[in-house]
Amino acid sequence: MERWLTEFVKLWVVIDPIGTLPVFLAVTAGMAKGAARRVALQATLVAFLVLTFFILLGQIMLRAMEIELTSFQIAGNIVLFLFALTMIFGESKLEEDEKLLGTSDLEKAVYPLAIPSIASPGAMLTVMTVTDNSSFSLAEQGETLVQVSVILGVLLVLLFCASHIIAVIGNAGASVISRVMGLILASVAVDGIVKAARVIIAG
């Protein structure tokens, strides 16, 4: 249960549902309520498909390249740590992505909302990392899929309620929450590096 919760926290932090809200509001500005919800649904579905690809094929790619699991875990957690630093010290998702908005509704759903806001490089790497916490297992991949599905389900609900949430916490509030999530992710990443190093030392 402890491992499941740790993995869930990792995924929650890198997907960052709260931090996605300002991006969604910028993308759907001026849209009718129904159109905005379609964009939210399309973006969530695209992000799910992208992350599922990395969950199912991530281990195959590693095996094909003959990369040791512990090496990947250390490298992955270093990247996650650097990603966490950008969440803490960098610009908010809205500031990063508001200048990248597409023109059509589908383009807006795919970029920048689905990628790189929801299915960010950090999220892609994390689903591979948590799936590779033990030997290859369809059950473990299914577990990660469930975790991702739950988080994206919560995200979709938040996007449907985005205007009401931002009215309460404001863009500044969303930025603060995103930075707190970054601090948590940094701690989780360091813990992952320490655990992988212990395996190498013990082995």
N, C-alpha and C. Protein backbone atom coordinates (compact mmCIF):
# COMPACT_ATOMS: atom_id res chain seq x y z
N MET A 1 0.84 -1.21 0.00
CA MET A 1 0.00 0.00 0.00
C MET A 1 0.88 1.26 0.00
N GLU A 2 1.98 1.21 0.79
CA GLU A 2 2.88 2.36 0.85
C GLU A 2 3.50 2.64 -0.51
N ARG A 3 3.92 1.57 -1.22
CA ARG A 3 4.50 1.74 -2.56
C ARG A 3 3.46 2.32 -3.51
N TRP A 4 2.23 1.83 -3.44
CA TRP A 4 1.16 2.31 -4.32
C TRP A 4 0.93 3.80 -4.10
N LEU A 5 0.90 4.22 -2.84
CA LEU A 5 0.67 5.63 -2.54
C LEU A 5 1.83 6.49 -3.01
N THR A 6 3.07 5.98 -2.84
CA THR A 6 4.24 6.73 -3.31
C THR A 6 4.19 6.94 -4.82
N GLU A 7 3.86 5.89 -5.54
CA GLU A 7 3.76 5.98 -6.99
C GLU A 7 2.63 6.92 -7.40
N PHE A 8 1.51 6.84 -6.69
CA PHE A 8 0.37 7.70 -7.00
C PHE A 8 0.74 9.17 -6.81
N VAL A 9 1.47 9.47 -5.72
CA VAL A 9 1.90 10.84 -5.46
C VAL A 9 2.82 11.33 -6.57
N LYS A 10 3.76 10.47 -6.99
CA LYS A 10 4.65 10.83 -8.10
C LYS A 10 3.85 11.23 -9.33
N LEU A 11 2.90 10.37 -9.70
CA LEU A 11 2.10 10.62 -10.90
C LEU A 11 1.24 11.86 -10.74
N TRP A 12 0.65 12.03 -9.56
CA TRP A 12 -0.19 13.20 -9.32
C TRP A 12 0.60 14.49 -9.48
N VAL A 13 1.80 14.49 -8.92
CA VAL A 13 2.61 15.70 -8.93
C VAL A 13 3.06 16.06 -10.35
N VAL A 14 3.53 15.07 -11.13
CA VAL A 14 4.03 15.40 -12.47
C VAL A 14 2.90 15.71 -13.45
N ILE A 15 1.75 15.08 -13.28
CA ILE A 15 0.61 15.42 -14.13
C ILE A 15 0.04 16.77 -13.72
N ASP A 16 0.06 17.04 -12.41
CA ASP A 16 -0.27 18.35 -11.85
C ASP A 16 -1.63 18.87 -12.32
N PRO A 17 -2.72 18.22 -11.89
CA PRO A 17 -4.06 18.65 -12.33
C PRO A 17 -4.37 20.11 -12.00
N ILE A 18 -3.99 20.58 -10.79
CA ILE A 18 -4.28 21.96 -10.41
C ILE A 18 -3.53 22.94 -11.31
N GLY A 19 -2.27 22.65 -11.59
CA GLY A 19 -1.47 23.53 -12.43
C GLY A 19 -1.96 23.60 -13.86
N THR A 20 -2.75 22.62 -14.27
CA THR A 20 -3.28 22.59 -15.64
C THR A 20 -4.48 23.53 -15.81
N LEU A 21 -5.12 23.89 -14.71
CA LEU A 21 -6.34 24.70 -14.78
C LEU A 21 -6.13 26.04 -15.48
N PRO A 22 -5.10 26.82 -15.11
CA PRO A 22 -4.92 28.11 -15.81
C PRO A 22 -4.66 27.94 -17.30
N VAL A 23 -3.93 26.87 -17.68
CA VAL A 23 -3.67 26.61 -19.09
C VAL A 23 -4.99 26.35 -19.81
N PHE A 24 -5.83 25.54 -19.19
CA PHE A 24 -7.13 25.20 -19.78
C PHE A 24 -7.98 26.44 -19.97
N LEU A 25 -7.99 27.31 -18.97
CA LEU A 25 -8.78 28.53 -19.07
C LEU A 25 -8.27 29.44 -20.19
N ALA A 26 -6.94 29.49 -20.36
CA ALA A 26 -6.38 30.30 -21.44
C ALA A 26 -6.72 29.71 -22.80
N VAL A 27 -6.66 28.36 -22.89
CA VAL A 27 -6.95 27.68 -24.15
C VAL A 27 -8.41 27.85 -24.56
N THR A 28 -9.31 27.82 -23.58
CA THR A 28 -10.74 27.82 -23.88
C THR A 28 -11.38 29.20 -23.70
N ALA A 29 -10.56 30.23 -23.57
CA ALA A 29 -11.10 31.58 -23.39
C ALA A 29 -12.02 31.94 -24.56
N GLY A 30 -13.23 32.39 -24.24
CA GLY A 30 -14.18 32.80 -25.27
C GLY A 30 -15.01 31.68 -25.84
N MET A 31 -14.71 30.44 -25.47
CA MET A 31 -15.48 29.29 -25.98
C MET A 31 -16.80 29.14 -25.22
N ALA A 32 -17.77 28.56 -25.91
CA ALA A 32 -19.00 28.18 -25.23
C ALA A 32 -18.70 27.06 -24.24
N LYS A 33 -19.54 26.90 -23.24
CA LYS A 33 -19.31 25.91 -22.19
C LYS A 33 -19.19 24.51 -22.76
N GLY A 34 -20.07 24.18 -23.72
CA GLY A 34 -20.03 22.85 -24.33
C GLY A 34 -18.75 22.60 -25.10
N ALA A 35 -18.29 23.60 -25.84
CA ALA A 35 -17.05 23.47 -26.61
C ALA A 35 -15.86 23.32 -25.69
N ALA A 36 -15.85 24.08 -24.60
CA ALA A 36 -14.74 23.98 -23.65
C ALA A 36 -14.69 22.59 -23.03
N ARG A 37 -15.84 22.02 -22.75
CA ARG A 37 -15.86 20.67 -22.18
C ARG A 37 -15.39 19.63 -23.18
N ARG A 38 -15.70 19.84 -24.47
CA ARG A 38 -15.20 18.92 -25.49
C ARG A 38 -13.67 18.98 -25.57
N VAL A 39 -13.13 20.17 -25.48
CA VAL A 39 -11.68 20.34 -25.49
C VAL A 39 -11.08 19.61 -24.29
N ALA A 40 -11.71 19.75 -23.12
CA ALA A 40 -11.21 19.09 -21.92
C ALA A 40 -11.22 17.58 -22.10
N LEU A 41 -12.29 17.04 -22.67
CA LEU A 41 -12.41 15.61 -22.88
C LEU A 41 -11.38 15.12 -23.89
N GLN A 42 -11.23 15.84 -24.99
CA GLN A 42 -10.25 15.46 -26.01
C GLN A 42 -8.83 15.50 -25.46
N ALA A 43 -8.50 16.54 -24.71
CA ALA A 43 -7.15 16.67 -24.16
C ALA A 43 -6.86 15.54 -23.18
N THR A 44 -7.82 15.22 -22.35
CA THR A 44 -7.63 14.14 -21.37
C THR A 44 -7.44 12.81 -22.06
N LEU A 45 -8.22 12.56 -23.11
CA LEU A 45 -8.11 11.30 -23.84
C LEU A 45 -6.76 11.19 -24.54
N VAL A 46 -6.32 12.26 -25.18
CA VAL A 46 -5.01 12.26 -25.86
C VAL A 46 -3.90 11.99 -24.85
N ALA A 47 -3.96 12.68 -23.71
CA ALA A 47 -2.94 12.49 -22.67
C ALA A 47 -2.94 11.04 -22.17
N PHE A 48 -4.12 10.45 -22.02
CA PHE A 48 -4.22 9.07 -21.57
C PHE A 48 -3.57 8.12 -22.57
N LEU A 49 -3.83 8.33 -23.86
CA LEU A 49 -3.27 7.47 -24.89
C LEU A 49 -1.74 7.59 -24.93
N VAL A 50 -1.23 8.80 -24.79
CA VAL A 50 0.22 9.01 -24.80
C VAL A 50 0.87 8.32 -23.62
N LEU A 51 0.30 8.50 -22.43
CA LEU A 51 0.88 7.89 -21.23
C LEU A 51 0.73 6.37 -21.26
N THR A 52 -0.36 5.88 -21.83
CA THR A 52 -0.54 4.43 -21.96
C THR A 52 0.54 3.83 -22.86
N PHE A 53 0.88 4.55 -23.93
CA PHE A 53 1.94 4.09 -24.83
C PHE A 53 3.24 3.88 -24.06
N PHE A 54 3.59 4.85 -23.21
CA PHE A 54 4.83 4.74 -22.45
C PHE A 54 4.74 3.68 -21.36
N ILE A 55 3.55 3.48 -20.80
CA ILE A 55 3.39 2.41 -19.80
C ILE A 55 3.58 1.04 -20.43
N LEU A 56 2.99 0.82 -21.59
CA LEU A 56 3.01 -0.50 -22.22
C LEU A 56 4.32 -0.80 -22.93
N LEU A 57 4.94 0.22 -23.53
CA LEU A 57 6.14 -0.02 -24.34
C LEU A 57 7.43 0.44 -23.69
N GLY A 58 7.32 1.11 -22.55
CA GLY A 58 8.52 1.61 -21.90
C GLY A 58 9.50 0.51 -21.55
N GLN A 59 9.01 -0.57 -20.96
CA GLN A 59 9.90 -1.68 -20.59
C GLN A 59 10.48 -2.37 -21.81
N ILE A 60 9.69 -2.49 -22.85
CA ILE A 60 10.19 -3.11 -24.09
C ILE A 60 11.35 -2.29 -24.66
N MET A 61 11.20 -0.98 -24.63
CA MET A 61 12.26 -0.10 -25.12
C MET A 61 13.52 -0.26 -24.28
N LEU A 62 13.34 -0.34 -22.96
CA LEU A 62 14.51 -0.49 -22.09
C LEU A 62 15.23 -1.81 -22.34
N ARG A 63 14.45 -2.89 -22.46
CA ARG A 63 15.06 -4.19 -22.71
C ARG A 63 15.77 -4.22 -24.06
N ALA A 64 15.18 -3.59 -25.06
CA ALA A 64 15.80 -3.58 -26.38
C ALA A 64 17.13 -2.83 -26.37
N MET A 65 17.22 -1.80 -25.55
CA MET A 65 18.45 -1.01 -25.46
C MET A 65 19.39 -1.55 -24.39
N GLU A 66 18.97 -2.64 -23.70
CA GLU A 66 19.78 -3.28 -22.67
C GLU A 66 20.21 -2.30 -21.59
N ILE A 67 19.25 -1.53 -21.12
CA ILE A 67 19.51 -0.57 -20.05
C ILE A 67 19.10 -1.20 -18.72
N GLU A 68 20.00 -1.16 -17.74
CA GLU A 68 19.71 -1.71 -16.42
C GLU A 68 18.62 -0.87 -15.73
N LEU A 69 17.77 -1.56 -14.99
CA LEU A 69 16.67 -0.90 -14.31
C LEU A 69 17.16 0.16 -13.33
N THR A 70 18.18 -0.19 -12.54
CA THR A 70 18.68 0.76 -11.55
C THR A 70 19.26 2.01 -12.22
N SER A 71 19.94 1.82 -13.36
CA SER A 71 20.49 2.97 -14.09
C SER A 71 19.37 3.88 -14.57
N PHE A 72 18.31 3.27 -15.08
CA PHE A 72 17.18 4.05 -15.56
C PHE A 72 16.49 4.77 -14.41
N GLN A 73 16.38 4.08 -13.26
CA GLN A 73 15.73 4.71 -12.10
C GLN A 73 16.52 5.92 -11.62
N ILE A 74 17.84 5.79 -11.56
CA ILE A 74 18.65 6.92 -11.11
C ILE A 74 18.56 8.07 -12.11
N ALA A 75 18.75 7.76 -13.41
CA ALA A 75 18.66 8.80 -14.44
C ALA A 75 17.28 9.44 -14.45
N GLY A 76 16.25 8.59 -14.37
CA GLY A 76 14.88 9.11 -14.39
C GLY A 76 14.59 10.02 -13.22
N ASN A 77 15.06 9.64 -12.02
CA ASN A 77 14.80 10.45 -10.84
C ASN A 77 15.62 11.73 -10.84
N ILE A 78 16.80 11.71 -11.46
CA ILE A 78 17.57 12.96 -11.61
C ILE A 78 16.80 13.93 -12.49
N VAL A 79 16.26 13.41 -13.60
CA VAL A 79 15.46 14.26 -14.50
C VAL A 79 14.21 14.77 -13.78
N LEU A 80 13.57 13.88 -12.99
CA LEU A 80 12.39 14.29 -12.22
C LEU A 80 12.74 15.38 -11.22
N PHE A 81 13.93 15.25 -10.63
CA PHE A 81 14.38 16.28 -9.67
C PHE A 81 14.55 17.63 -10.38
N LEU A 82 15.17 17.59 -11.56
CA LEU A 82 15.35 18.83 -12.33
C LEU A 82 14.01 19.39 -12.77
N PHE A 83 13.09 18.49 -13.15
CA PHE A 83 11.74 18.91 -13.51
C PHE A 83 11.05 19.57 -12.32
N ALA A 84 11.27 18.99 -11.12
CA ALA A 84 10.68 19.56 -9.91
C ALA A 84 11.22 20.96 -9.65
N LEU A 85 12.51 21.17 -9.93
CA LEU A 85 13.10 22.49 -9.74
C LEU A 85 12.44 23.53 -10.65
N THR A 86 12.10 23.11 -11.88
CA THR A 86 11.43 24.06 -12.78
C THR A 86 10.03 24.40 -12.26
N MET A 87 9.38 23.42 -11.59
CA MET A 87 8.06 23.68 -11.00
C MET A 87 8.18 24.66 -9.83
N ILE A 88 9.29 24.55 -9.08
CA ILE A 88 9.47 25.39 -7.90
C ILE A 88 9.92 26.79 -8.27
N PHE A 89 10.94 26.88 -9.17
CA PHE A 89 11.56 28.17 -9.47
C PHE A 89 11.15 28.75 -10.82
N GLY A 90 10.57 27.91 -11.70
CA GLY A 90 10.26 28.37 -13.04
C GLY A 90 8.93 29.08 -13.12
N GLU A 91 8.51 29.35 -14.36
CA GLU A 91 7.24 30.00 -14.60
C GLU A 91 6.11 29.01 -14.40
N SER A 92 4.92 29.52 -14.14
CA SER A 92 3.76 28.66 -14.02
C SER A 92 3.42 28.09 -15.39
N LYS A 93 2.57 27.07 -15.39
CA LYS A 93 2.18 26.45 -16.66
C LYS A 93 1.50 27.45 -17.58
N LEU A 94 0.72 28.33 -17.02
CA LEU A 94 0.05 29.32 -17.85
C LEU A 94 1.06 30.25 -18.51
N GLU A 95 2.04 30.71 -17.76
CA GLU A 95 3.05 31.61 -18.31
C GLU A 95 3.87 30.92 -19.38
N GLU A 96 4.12 29.60 -19.20
CA GLU A 96 4.93 28.86 -20.16
C GLU A 96 4.17 28.60 -21.46
N ASP A 97 2.87 28.34 -21.34
CA ASP A 97 2.13 27.79 -22.47
C ASP A 97 1.16 28.74 -23.14
N GLU A 98 0.88 29.90 -22.54
CA GLU A 98 -0.18 30.74 -23.10
C GLU A 98 0.19 31.27 -24.48
N LYS A 99 1.49 31.33 -24.80
CA LYS A 99 1.91 31.83 -26.10
C LYS A 99 1.96 30.72 -27.15
N LEU A 100 1.62 29.47 -26.75
CA LEU A 100 1.73 28.33 -27.66
C LEU A 100 0.38 27.83 -28.16
N LEU A 101 -0.67 28.60 -27.93
CA LEU A 101 -2.01 28.12 -28.21
C LEU A 101 -2.23 27.88 -29.70
N GLY A 102 -2.89 26.75 -30.02
CA GLY A 102 -3.21 26.42 -31.40
C GLY A 102 -4.40 27.22 -31.88
N THR A 103 -4.86 26.91 -33.06
CA THR A 103 -5.95 27.67 -33.64
C THR A 103 -7.28 26.93 -33.53
N SER A 104 -7.36 25.71 -34.00
CA SER A 104 -8.61 24.95 -33.91
C SER A 104 -8.78 24.36 -32.52
N ASP A 105 -10.04 23.94 -32.23
CA ASP A 105 -10.32 23.35 -30.92
C ASP A 105 -9.49 22.09 -30.70
N LEU A 106 -9.35 21.26 -31.74
CA LEU A 106 -8.59 20.02 -31.59
C LEU A 106 -7.11 20.33 -31.37
N GLU A 107 -6.58 21.31 -32.09
CA GLU A 107 -5.18 21.70 -31.90
C GLU A 107 -4.95 22.19 -30.48
N LYS A 108 -5.91 22.95 -29.95
CA LYS A 108 -5.79 23.44 -28.58
C LYS A 108 -5.85 22.30 -27.58
N ALA A 109 -6.66 21.29 -27.89
CA ALA A 109 -6.78 20.14 -26.99
C ALA A 109 -5.48 19.34 -26.96
N VAL A 110 -4.86 19.19 -28.15
CA VAL A 110 -3.64 18.40 -28.23
C VAL A 110 -2.44 19.20 -27.73
N TYR A 111 -2.34 20.46 -28.18
CA TYR A 111 -1.17 21.27 -27.85
C TYR A 111 -1.58 22.71 -27.62
N PRO A 112 -1.33 23.26 -26.44
CA PRO A 112 -0.44 22.74 -25.39
C PRO A 112 -1.13 22.02 -24.24
N LEU A 113 -2.43 21.74 -24.35
CA LEU A 113 -3.15 21.21 -23.18
C LEU A 113 -2.78 19.75 -22.88
N ALA A 114 -2.99 18.85 -23.89
CA ALA A 114 -2.65 17.44 -23.65
C ALA A 114 -1.14 17.26 -23.54
N ILE A 115 -0.43 17.84 -24.50
CA ILE A 115 1.04 17.80 -24.53
C ILE A 115 1.52 19.23 -24.77
N PRO A 116 2.34 19.82 -23.92
CA PRO A 116 3.07 19.18 -22.82
C PRO A 116 2.50 19.45 -21.44
N SER A 117 1.27 20.01 -21.33
CA SER A 117 0.77 20.39 -20.01
C SER A 117 0.37 19.18 -19.17
N ILE A 118 -0.47 18.28 -19.73
CA ILE A 118 -0.91 17.11 -18.96
C ILE A 118 0.10 15.97 -19.11
N ALA A 119 0.28 15.48 -20.33
CA ALA A 119 1.27 14.43 -20.58
C ALA A 119 2.62 15.09 -20.85
N SER A 120 3.21 15.61 -19.79
CA SER A 120 4.50 16.31 -19.91
C SER A 120 5.63 15.29 -20.04
N PRO A 121 6.82 15.75 -20.45
CA PRO A 121 7.96 14.83 -20.48
C PRO A 121 8.20 14.17 -19.13
N GLY A 122 7.99 14.94 -18.04
CA GLY A 122 8.14 14.36 -16.71
C GLY A 122 7.13 13.25 -16.44
N ALA A 123 5.89 13.44 -16.91
CA ALA A 123 4.86 12.42 -16.72
C ALA A 123 5.18 11.17 -17.53
N MET A 124 5.64 11.36 -18.78
CA MET A 124 6.00 10.21 -19.61
C MET A 124 7.11 9.39 -18.95
N LEU A 125 8.10 10.08 -18.43
CA LEU A 125 9.21 9.40 -17.78
C LEU A 125 8.77 8.71 -16.50
N THR A 126 7.88 9.37 -15.75
CA THR A 126 7.44 8.83 -14.47
C THR A 126 6.63 7.54 -14.64
N VAL A 127 5.75 7.48 -15.64
CA VAL A 127 4.96 6.26 -15.82
C VAL A 127 5.87 5.08 -16.16
N MET A 128 6.96 5.35 -16.88
CA MET A 128 7.93 4.29 -17.16
C MET A 128 8.67 3.89 -15.90
N THR A 129 9.03 4.88 -15.08
CA THR A 129 9.79 4.60 -13.86
C THR A 129 8.98 3.79 -12.87
N VAL A 130 7.75 4.19 -12.61
CA VAL A 130 6.95 3.48 -11.61
C VAL A 130 6.54 2.10 -12.12
N THR A 131 6.40 1.95 -13.43
CA THR A 131 6.07 0.64 -13.98
C THR A 131 7.27 -0.29 -13.88
N ASP A 132 8.46 0.25 -13.87
CA ASP A 132 9.68 -0.55 -13.83
C ASP A 132 10.23 -0.72 -12.41
N ASN A 133 9.38 -0.54 -11.40
CA ASN A 133 9.85 -0.71 -10.04
C ASN A 133 10.14 -2.16 -9.70
N SER A 134 9.67 -3.08 -10.51
CA SER A 134 9.98 -4.50 -10.30
C SER A 134 10.10 -5.14 -11.67
N SER A 135 10.20 -6.45 -11.71
CA SER A 135 10.34 -7.14 -12.99
C SER A 135 9.09 -6.93 -13.85
N PHE A 136 9.26 -7.18 -15.17
CA PHE A 136 8.18 -6.97 -16.13
C PHE A 136 6.91 -7.69 -15.69
N SER A 137 5.80 -6.99 -15.64
CA SER A 137 4.55 -7.57 -15.15
C SER A 137 3.37 -6.83 -15.75
N LEU A 138 2.47 -7.59 -16.39
CA LEU A 138 1.25 -6.98 -16.92
C LEU A 138 0.40 -6.45 -15.78
N ALA A 139 0.46 -7.12 -14.63
CA ALA A 139 -0.31 -6.66 -13.46
C ALA A 139 0.19 -5.29 -13.01
N GLU A 140 1.50 -5.10 -13.04
CA GLU A 140 2.07 -3.82 -12.63
C GLU A 140 1.72 -2.73 -13.63
N GLN A 141 1.75 -3.07 -14.92
CA GLN A 141 1.34 -2.10 -15.93
C GLN A 141 -0.12 -1.72 -15.74
N GLY A 142 -0.94 -2.73 -15.43
CA GLY A 142 -2.36 -2.47 -15.18
C GLY A 142 -2.55 -1.57 -13.97
N GLU A 143 -1.72 -1.76 -12.94
CA GLU A 143 -1.79 -0.94 -11.74
C GLU A 143 -1.48 0.51 -12.08
N THR A 144 -0.44 0.72 -12.88
CA THR A 144 -0.08 2.08 -13.28
C THR A 144 -1.18 2.70 -14.13
N LEU A 145 -1.77 1.91 -15.01
CA LEU A 145 -2.88 2.40 -15.84
C LEU A 145 -4.05 2.85 -14.97
N VAL A 146 -4.33 2.09 -13.93
CA VAL A 146 -5.42 2.46 -13.01
C VAL A 146 -5.10 3.78 -12.32
N GLN A 147 -3.86 3.92 -11.84
CA GLN A 147 -3.45 5.16 -11.18
C GLN A 147 -3.58 6.35 -12.12
N VAL A 148 -3.08 6.20 -13.34
CA VAL A 148 -3.16 7.27 -14.32
C VAL A 148 -4.62 7.59 -14.63
N SER A 149 -5.44 6.55 -14.77
CA SER A 149 -6.86 6.75 -15.08
C SER A 149 -7.57 7.53 -13.97
N VAL A 150 -7.26 7.20 -12.72
CA VAL A 150 -7.87 7.90 -11.58
C VAL A 150 -7.48 9.37 -11.60
N ILE A 151 -6.19 9.63 -11.80
CA ILE A 151 -5.70 11.02 -11.79
C ILE A 151 -6.31 11.81 -12.96
N LEU A 152 -6.34 11.20 -14.14
CA LEU A 152 -6.91 11.90 -15.29
C LEU A 152 -8.42 12.07 -15.13
N GLY A 153 -9.06 11.12 -14.45
CA GLY A 153 -10.49 11.27 -14.17
C GLY A 153 -10.75 12.46 -13.27
N VAL A 154 -9.91 12.61 -12.22
CA VAL A 154 -10.02 13.77 -11.33
C VAL A 154 -9.72 15.05 -12.11
N LEU A 155 -8.70 14.97 -12.97
CA LEU A 155 -8.34 16.13 -13.79
C LEU A 155 -9.50 16.58 -14.65
N LEU A 156 -10.18 15.62 -15.28
CA LEU A 156 -11.30 15.96 -16.16
C LEU A 156 -12.41 16.66 -15.38
N VAL A 157 -12.69 16.17 -14.18
CA VAL A 157 -13.70 16.82 -13.35
C VAL A 157 -13.27 18.24 -13.00
N LEU A 158 -11.98 18.41 -12.67
CA LEU A 158 -11.47 19.74 -12.35
C LEU A 158 -11.57 20.68 -13.55
N LEU A 159 -11.28 20.16 -14.74
CA LEU A 159 -11.38 20.99 -15.95
C LEU A 159 -12.82 21.42 -16.20
N PHE A 160 -13.75 20.52 -15.94
CA PHE A 160 -15.16 20.87 -16.10
C PHE A 160 -15.57 21.98 -15.13
N CYS A 161 -14.89 22.02 -13.97
CA CYS A 161 -15.21 23.02 -12.94
C CYS A 161 -14.16 24.13 -12.88
N ALA A 162 -13.33 24.22 -13.92
CA ALA A 162 -12.15 25.10 -13.89
C ALA A 162 -12.49 26.55 -13.57
N SER A 163 -13.49 27.08 -14.23
CA SER A 163 -13.81 28.50 -14.04
C SER A 163 -14.18 28.80 -12.60
N HIS A 164 -14.89 27.89 -11.96
CA HIS A 164 -15.30 28.09 -10.57
C HIS A 164 -14.11 27.98 -9.63
N ILE A 165 -13.20 27.02 -9.90
CA ILE A 165 -12.03 26.80 -9.03
C ILE A 165 -11.08 27.99 -9.09
N ILE A 166 -10.77 28.46 -10.31
CA ILE A 166 -9.84 29.59 -10.46
C ILE A 166 -10.43 30.85 -9.85
N ALA A 167 -11.76 30.99 -9.91
CA ALA A 167 -12.40 32.16 -9.31
C ALA A 167 -12.16 32.19 -7.80
N VAL A 168 -12.00 31.01 -7.20
CA VAL A 168 -11.78 30.91 -5.75
C VAL A 168 -10.31 31.09 -5.40
N ILE A 169 -9.41 30.30 -6.07
CA ILE A 169 -8.00 30.31 -5.67
C ILE A 169 -7.16 31.30 -6.48
N GLY A 170 -7.66 31.70 -7.66
CA GLY A 170 -6.92 32.63 -8.50
C GLY A 170 -5.71 31.98 -9.16
N ASN A 171 -5.15 32.65 -10.17
CA ASN A 171 -3.95 32.13 -10.84
C ASN A 171 -2.78 32.05 -9.88
N ALA A 172 -2.71 33.02 -8.93
CA ALA A 172 -1.63 33.00 -7.95
C ALA A 172 -1.74 31.77 -7.05
N GLY A 173 -2.95 31.42 -6.67
CA GLY A 173 -3.16 30.23 -5.84
C GLY A 173 -2.77 28.96 -6.56
N ALA A 174 -3.11 28.88 -7.84
CA ALA A 174 -2.72 27.71 -8.64
C ALA A 174 -1.21 27.62 -8.76
N SER A 175 -0.55 28.78 -8.89
CA SER A 175 0.91 28.80 -8.99
C SER A 175 1.55 28.33 -7.69
N VAL A 176 1.00 28.75 -6.55
CA VAL A 176 1.53 28.33 -5.25
C VAL A 176 1.40 26.82 -5.09
N ILE A 177 0.23 26.29 -5.43
CA ILE A 177 0.00 24.85 -5.30
C ILE A 177 0.96 24.08 -6.20
N SER A 178 1.18 24.57 -7.41
CA SER A 178 2.09 23.90 -8.34
C SER A 178 3.50 23.86 -7.76
N ARG A 179 3.94 24.94 -7.11
CA ARG A 179 5.28 24.97 -6.54
C ARG A 179 5.41 24.05 -5.33
N VAL A 180 4.35 23.93 -4.54
CA VAL A 180 4.36 22.98 -3.42
C VAL A 180 4.47 21.56 -3.96
N MET A 181 3.73 21.28 -5.04
CA MET A 181 3.82 19.96 -5.66
C MET A 181 5.23 19.69 -6.17
N GLY A 182 5.89 20.74 -6.65
CA GLY A 182 7.27 20.59 -7.11
C GLY A 182 8.21 20.21 -5.98
N LEU A 183 8.00 20.80 -4.82
CA LEU A 183 8.83 20.46 -3.66
C LEU A 183 8.62 19.01 -3.24
N ILE A 184 7.37 18.56 -3.27
CA ILE A 184 7.09 17.17 -2.94
C ILE A 184 7.75 16.24 -3.95
N LEU A 185 7.65 16.60 -5.22
CA LEU A 185 8.26 15.77 -6.27
C LEU A 185 9.77 15.69 -6.10
N ALA A 186 10.41 16.81 -5.73
CA ALA A 186 11.85 16.81 -5.52
C ALA A 186 12.23 15.83 -4.41
N SER A 187 11.44 15.81 -3.35
CA SER A 187 11.70 14.90 -2.25
C SER A 187 11.54 13.44 -2.68
N VAL A 188 10.49 13.18 -3.45
CA VAL A 188 10.25 11.82 -3.95
C VAL A 188 11.37 11.38 -4.88
N ALA A 189 11.86 12.30 -5.73
CA ALA A 189 12.93 11.97 -6.67
C ALA A 189 14.22 11.64 -5.93
N VAL A 190 14.57 12.41 -4.92
CA VAL A 190 15.77 12.14 -4.14
C VAL A 190 15.65 10.78 -3.45
N ASP A 191 14.47 10.49 -2.92
CA ASP A 191 14.26 9.19 -2.27
C ASP A 191 14.45 8.05 -3.26
N GLY A 192 13.99 8.24 -4.50
CA GLY A 192 14.16 7.21 -5.53
C GLY A 192 15.62 6.98 -5.88
N ILE A 193 16.41 8.05 -5.93
CA ILE A 193 17.84 7.93 -6.21
C ILE A 193 18.54 7.17 -5.08
N VAL A 194 18.20 7.50 -3.84
CA VAL A 194 18.81 6.84 -2.69
C VAL A 194 18.49 5.34 -2.70
N LYS A 195 17.25 4.99 -2.97
CA LYS A 195 16.86 3.58 -2.98
C LYS A 195 17.56 2.82 -4.09
N ALA A 196 17.67 3.41 -5.29
CA ALA A 196 18.36 2.75 -6.39
C ALA A 196 19.84 2.59 -6.07
N ALA A 197 20.45 3.59 -5.42
CA ALA A 197 21.86 3.51 -5.04
C ALA A 197 22.08 2.40 -4.03
N ARG A 198 21.15 2.21 -3.12
CA ARG A 198 21.26 1.14 -2.14
C ARG A 198 21.25 -0.23 -2.81
N VAL A 199 20.40 -0.36 -3.85
CA VAL A 199 20.35 -1.64 -4.58
C VAL A 199 21.68 -1.93 -5.25
N ILE A 200 22.28 -0.90 -5.84
CA ILE A 200 23.59 -1.08 -6.52
C ILE A 200 24.66 -1.44 -5.49
N ILE A 201 24.67 -0.76 -4.36
CA ILE A 201 25.67 -1.03 -3.33
C ILE A 201 25.51 -2.44 -2.75
N ALA A 202 24.24 -2.84 -2.53
CA ALA A 202 23.99 -4.15 -1.94
C ALA A 202 24.24 -5.27 -2.93
N GLY A 203 24.09 -4.98 -4.25
CA GLY A 203 24.21 -6.01 -5.27
C GLY A 203 25.59 -6.26 -5.74
